[in-house]
Amino acid sequence: MKLISVLASILLATTTWAGLKDLNSQTSPFKLAPLPYAANSLEKAIDAETMTVHHDKHHQAYVDNANKALENKKVSMIEILKTASKQPTAIRNNVGGHWNHTFFWTVLSGKAEDNQIPETLKKDIEKKWGTFEKFQTEFEKAGASQFGSGWAWLIRTSSGLEVVATPNQDNPLMDTVEKRGWPILGADVWEHAYYLRYKNKRADYLKSFWTIVNWKQVAEYDQEATKTQMP
């Protein structure tokens, strides 16, 4: 059992993403990495069954369908995203779904030390919104008011931090969105992300979301984004 635990730790360590550049440089055919934590480690906000189905079924389907649509072509994730307006619907939706979910898993954590926001990022948020609570309210509103399926995002642009929402599996890296930027935090508001526990109460899910945000990772993404030009 000890050996299995060690091997699992090694596997997780080699399949999590070092940063946005690492994630964006993935080349097709794509593969589904395992969750970087146990499925039941986010119980404060998301139950284990939801996490398992969301990752093993929904995310796997995006990977499989993306590879099928690409017909074994070798292309990087970022090249597809930044030309999304010119891509067939199946490629845009499924590669977007793969990117969004891969990113999403990394900004979640059940560890208390990861759930504490670094002071530098907190001050930057407060500079933009006045208080951290006002930022949370705007983020929750973006997610709750997104009609149908989609995502809420905190992004870094050339002019600072912004909160935006995107429909379906679009994201702020795509050339299809009104405001582009580097995602540093994202919340999945498709029903399959929360329905087992919250039913139709998306707003309750978004409020619970804050208890599992991996602010340490968000801050690292932000530091990387401030040094990187948009694709």
Protein backbone atom coordinates (compact mmCIF):
# COMPACT_ATOMS: atom_id res chain seq x y z
CA MET A 1 0.00 0.00 0.00
CA LYS A 2 2.88 2.34 0.81
CA LEU A 3 4.44 1.72 -2.61
CA ILE A 4 1.11 2.43 -4.33
CA SER A 5 0.80 5.69 -2.40
CA VAL A 6 4.31 6.75 -3.42
CA LEU A 7 3.67 5.89 -7.08
CA ALA A 8 0.40 7.85 -7.00
CA SER A 9 2.22 10.88 -5.61
CA ILE A 10 4.83 10.67 -8.35
CA LEU A 11 2.13 10.38 -11.03
CA LEU A 12 0.28 13.42 -9.73
CA ALA A 13 3.49 15.41 -9.53
CA THR A 14 4.25 14.70 -13.19
CA THR A 15 0.78 15.44 -14.56
CA THR A 16 -0.05 18.80 -12.97
CA TRP A 17 0.78 21.96 -14.87
CA ALA A 18 3.69 24.22 -14.00
CA GLY A 19 1.96 27.30 -15.40
CA LEU A 20 -0.11 28.83 -18.16
CA LYS A 21 2.69 28.42 -20.70
CA ASP A 22 2.94 24.73 -19.87
CA LEU A 23 -0.82 24.26 -20.22
CA ASN A 24 -1.04 26.22 -23.47
CA SER A 25 1.80 24.32 -25.09
CA GLN A 26 0.05 20.94 -24.89
CA THR A 27 -0.02 19.37 -28.35
CA SER A 28 -2.67 17.08 -29.77
CA PRO A 29 -3.56 14.29 -29.49
CA PHE A 30 -4.50 15.40 -26.00
CA LYS A 31 -4.57 13.26 -22.87
CA LEU A 32 -6.56 13.50 -19.65
CA ALA A 33 -4.33 13.93 -16.61
CA PRO A 34 -5.59 12.60 -13.26
CA LEU A 35 -6.98 15.01 -10.70
CA PRO A 36 -4.11 16.58 -8.71
CA TYR A 37 -5.86 15.58 -5.45
CA ALA A 38 -8.33 13.02 -4.15
CA ALA A 39 -11.88 13.42 -5.48
CA ASN A 40 -13.21 13.74 -1.91
CA SER A 41 -10.75 16.46 -0.86
CA LEU A 42 -13.05 19.32 -1.89
CA GLU A 43 -16.06 18.21 0.18
CA LYS A 44 -16.36 21.69 1.73
CA ALA A 45 -17.92 22.76 -1.55
CA ILE A 46 -18.03 19.91 -4.08
CA ASP A 47 -18.89 16.29 -3.32
CA ALA A 48 -16.68 13.40 -4.44
CA GLU A 49 -19.28 11.94 -6.81
CA THR A 50 -19.59 15.23 -8.69
CA MET A 51 -15.82 15.54 -8.96
CA THR A 52 -15.44 11.97 -10.21
CA VAL A 53 -18.18 12.21 -12.83
CA HIS A 54 -17.09 15.70 -13.86
CA HIS A 55 -13.47 14.66 -14.38
CA ASP A 56 -13.72 11.02 -15.50
CA LYS A 57 -16.79 11.39 -17.73
CA HIS A 58 -17.30 15.00 -18.84
CA HIS A 59 -13.66 16.03 -19.14
CA GLN A 60 -12.70 12.72 -20.76
CA ALA A 61 -15.44 13.26 -23.36
CA TYR A 62 -13.96 16.66 -24.28
CA VAL A 63 -10.54 15.07 -24.73
CA ASP A 64 -11.89 12.20 -26.82
CA ASN A 65 -14.06 14.43 -28.99
CA ALA A 66 -11.28 17.00 -29.47
CA ASN A 67 -8.90 14.30 -30.69
CA LYS A 68 -11.56 12.87 -32.98
CA ALA A 69 -12.35 16.28 -34.46
CA LEU A 70 -8.66 17.06 -34.99
CA GLU A 71 -8.15 13.75 -36.82
CA ASN A 72 -4.71 13.21 -35.27
CA LYS A 73 -3.36 16.58 -36.45
CA LYS A 74 -0.43 17.92 -34.41
CA VAL A 75 -1.43 21.34 -33.12
CA SER A 76 -0.87 23.22 -29.86
CA MET A 77 -3.68 24.16 -27.51
CA ILE A 78 -2.98 27.89 -27.74
CA GLU A 79 -2.96 27.89 -31.55
CA ILE A 80 -6.50 26.51 -31.52
CA LEU A 81 -7.74 28.91 -28.85
CA LYS A 82 -6.40 32.09 -30.42
CA THR A 83 -7.99 31.13 -33.77
CA ALA A 84 -11.25 29.84 -32.30
CA SER A 85 -13.37 31.99 -34.63
CA LYS A 86 -11.95 30.11 -37.61
CA GLN A 87 -12.22 26.63 -36.10
CA PRO A 88 -15.03 24.14 -36.73
CA THR A 89 -17.54 24.09 -33.87
CA ALA A 90 -16.49 20.64 -32.67
CA ILE A 91 -12.85 21.71 -32.32
CA ARG A 92 -13.65 25.04 -30.68
CA ASN A 93 -16.03 23.50 -28.15
CA ASN A 94 -14.04 20.40 -27.24
CA VAL A 95 -10.55 21.91 -27.14
CA GLY A 96 -12.05 24.77 -25.15
CA GLY A 97 -13.62 22.24 -22.80
CA HIS A 98 -10.30 20.46 -22.35
CA TRP A 99 -8.40 23.69 -21.63
CA ASN A 100 -11.06 25.06 -19.28
CA HIS A 101 -11.30 21.91 -17.20
CA THR A 102 -7.55 21.31 -17.05
CA PHE A 103 -7.19 24.86 -15.75
CA PHE A 104 -10.17 24.53 -13.38
CA TRP A 105 -8.76 21.53 -11.51
CA THR A 106 -5.57 23.47 -10.75
CA VAL A 107 -7.30 26.45 -9.10
CA LEU A 108 -9.08 24.24 -6.56
CA SER A 109 -7.65 22.85 -3.33
CA GLY A 110 -8.93 21.42 -0.06
CA LYS A 111 -5.78 22.48 1.81
CA ALA A 112 -6.25 25.35 4.23
CA GLU A 113 -2.86 26.84 3.40
CA ASP A 114 -3.81 27.04 -0.30
CA ASN A 115 -7.14 28.70 0.50
CA GLN A 116 -5.45 31.79 1.96
CA ILE A 117 -5.01 34.57 -0.59
CA PRO A 118 -1.48 36.05 -0.78
CA GLU A 119 -1.39 39.65 0.42
CA THR A 120 0.00 41.04 -2.83
CA LEU A 121 -2.86 39.66 -4.92
CA LYS A 122 -5.43 40.67 -2.32
CA LYS A 123 -4.18 44.26 -2.39
CA ASP A 124 -4.36 44.28 -6.18
CA ILE A 125 -7.95 43.05 -6.04
CA GLU A 126 -8.83 45.67 -3.42
CA LYS A 127 -7.23 48.38 -5.55
CA LYS A 128 -9.54 47.41 -8.42
CA TRP A 129 -12.81 46.72 -6.56
CA GLY A 130 -12.40 48.62 -3.29
CA THR A 131 -12.80 45.54 -1.11
CA PHE A 132 -12.23 41.83 -1.57
CA GLU A 133 -15.92 41.25 -0.80
CA LYS A 134 -16.98 43.53 -3.67
CA PHE A 135 -14.80 41.51 -6.03
CA GLN A 136 -16.43 38.29 -4.79
CA THR A 137 -19.87 39.79 -5.35
CA GLU A 138 -19.01 40.77 -8.94
CA PHE A 139 -17.51 37.35 -9.67
CA GLU A 140 -20.55 35.56 -8.25
CA LYS A 141 -22.85 37.84 -10.25
CA ALA A 142 -20.95 37.07 -13.45
CA GLY A 143 -21.34 33.34 -12.84
CA ALA A 144 -24.94 33.43 -11.63
CA SER A 145 -26.14 35.66 -14.47
CA GLN A 146 -24.44 33.68 -17.25
CA PHE A 147 -27.43 32.42 -19.22
CA GLY A 148 -27.26 28.67 -19.68
CA SER A 149 -23.90 26.97 -19.44
CA GLY A 150 -20.58 28.75 -19.19
CA TRP A 151 -17.81 30.09 -16.97
CA ALA A 152 -16.94 33.02 -14.71
CA TRP A 153 -13.34 34.26 -14.87
CA LEU A 154 -10.88 36.54 -13.15
CA ILE A 155 -8.44 37.62 -15.84
CA ARG A 156 -5.30 39.70 -16.11
CA THR A 157 -5.31 42.15 -19.02
CA SER A 158 -2.83 44.82 -20.08
CA SER A 159 -4.86 47.33 -18.07
CA GLY A 160 -5.30 45.23 -14.91
CA LEU A 161 -7.67 42.70 -13.40
CA GLU A 162 -11.16 42.11 -14.81
CA VAL A 163 -14.12 39.80 -14.14
CA VAL A 164 -15.80 38.34 -17.22
CA ALA A 165 -18.10 35.48 -18.16
CA THR A 166 -18.08 33.28 -21.26
CA PRO A 167 -20.73 30.94 -22.69
CA ASN A 168 -20.38 27.21 -23.24
CA GLN A 169 -16.67 26.24 -23.36
CA ASP A 170 -15.32 29.57 -24.58
CA ASN A 171 -12.59 31.25 -22.54
CA PRO A 172 -10.82 34.63 -22.47
CA LEU A 173 -7.90 33.40 -24.59
CA MET A 174 -10.16 32.94 -27.61
CA ASP A 175 -10.51 35.53 -30.37
CA THR A 176 -14.29 35.13 -30.10
CA VAL A 177 -14.69 36.96 -26.78
CA GLU A 178 -15.35 40.66 -26.20
CA LYS A 179 -12.57 41.09 -23.63
CA ARG A 180 -9.45 38.94 -23.91
CA GLY A 181 -6.97 38.28 -21.12
CA TRP A 182 -5.03 35.63 -19.23
CA PRO A 183 -7.35 33.57 -17.00
CA ILE A 184 -6.01 33.34 -13.45
CA LEU A 185 -9.20 32.00 -11.80
CA GLY A 186 -12.24 30.29 -13.28
CA ALA A 187 -15.50 28.82 -12.00
CA ASP A 188 -17.39 26.25 -14.04
CA VAL A 189 -21.12 27.09 -13.97
CA TRP A 190 -22.34 24.23 -16.15
CA GLU A 191 -24.98 22.33 -14.16
CA HIS A 192 -22.90 19.15 -14.06
CA ALA A 193 -20.35 21.05 -11.93
CA TYR A 194 -22.77 21.52 -9.02
CA TYR A 195 -26.20 19.95 -9.59
CA LEU A 196 -25.91 16.86 -7.37
CA ARG A 197 -25.46 18.95 -4.24
CA TYR A 198 -26.92 22.34 -5.11
CA LYS A 199 -29.64 21.37 -7.60
CA ASN A 200 -30.67 24.60 -9.39
CA LYS A 201 -29.12 26.92 -6.79
CA ARG A 202 -26.09 28.09 -8.77
CA ALA A 203 -25.64 31.12 -6.50
CA ASP A 204 -25.17 28.83 -3.47
CA TYR A 205 -22.53 26.85 -5.34
CA LEU A 206 -20.65 30.04 -6.22
CA LYS A 207 -20.64 31.18 -2.60
CA SER A 208 -19.23 27.81 -1.50
CA PHE A 209 -16.66 27.99 -4.29
CA TRP A 210 -14.53 30.45 -2.27
CA THR A 211 -13.83 27.81 0.38
CA ILE A 212 -11.84 25.69 -2.09
CA VAL A 213 -10.05 28.27 -4.24
CA ASN A 214 -6.34 27.57 -4.53
CA TRP A 215 -5.23 31.17 -4.13
CA LYS A 216 -1.59 30.11 -4.08
CA GLN A 217 -1.96 28.81 -7.65
CA VAL A 218 -4.07 31.80 -8.71
CA ALA A 219 -1.33 34.15 -7.51
CA GLU A 220 1.29 32.17 -9.43
CA TYR A 221 -0.81 32.36 -12.59
CA ASP A 222 -1.17 36.10 -12.06
CA GLN A 223 2.57 36.61 -11.69
CA GLU A 224 3.11 34.69 -14.92
CA ALA A 225 0.35 36.61 -16.72
CA THR A 226 1.81 40.01 -15.82
CA LYS A 227 5.03 39.03 -17.63
CA THR A 228 3.41 37.50 -20.70
CA GLN A 229 1.89 39.15 -23.76
CA MET A 230 -1.45 37.96 -25.02
CA PRO A 231 -1.13 35.37 -27.80
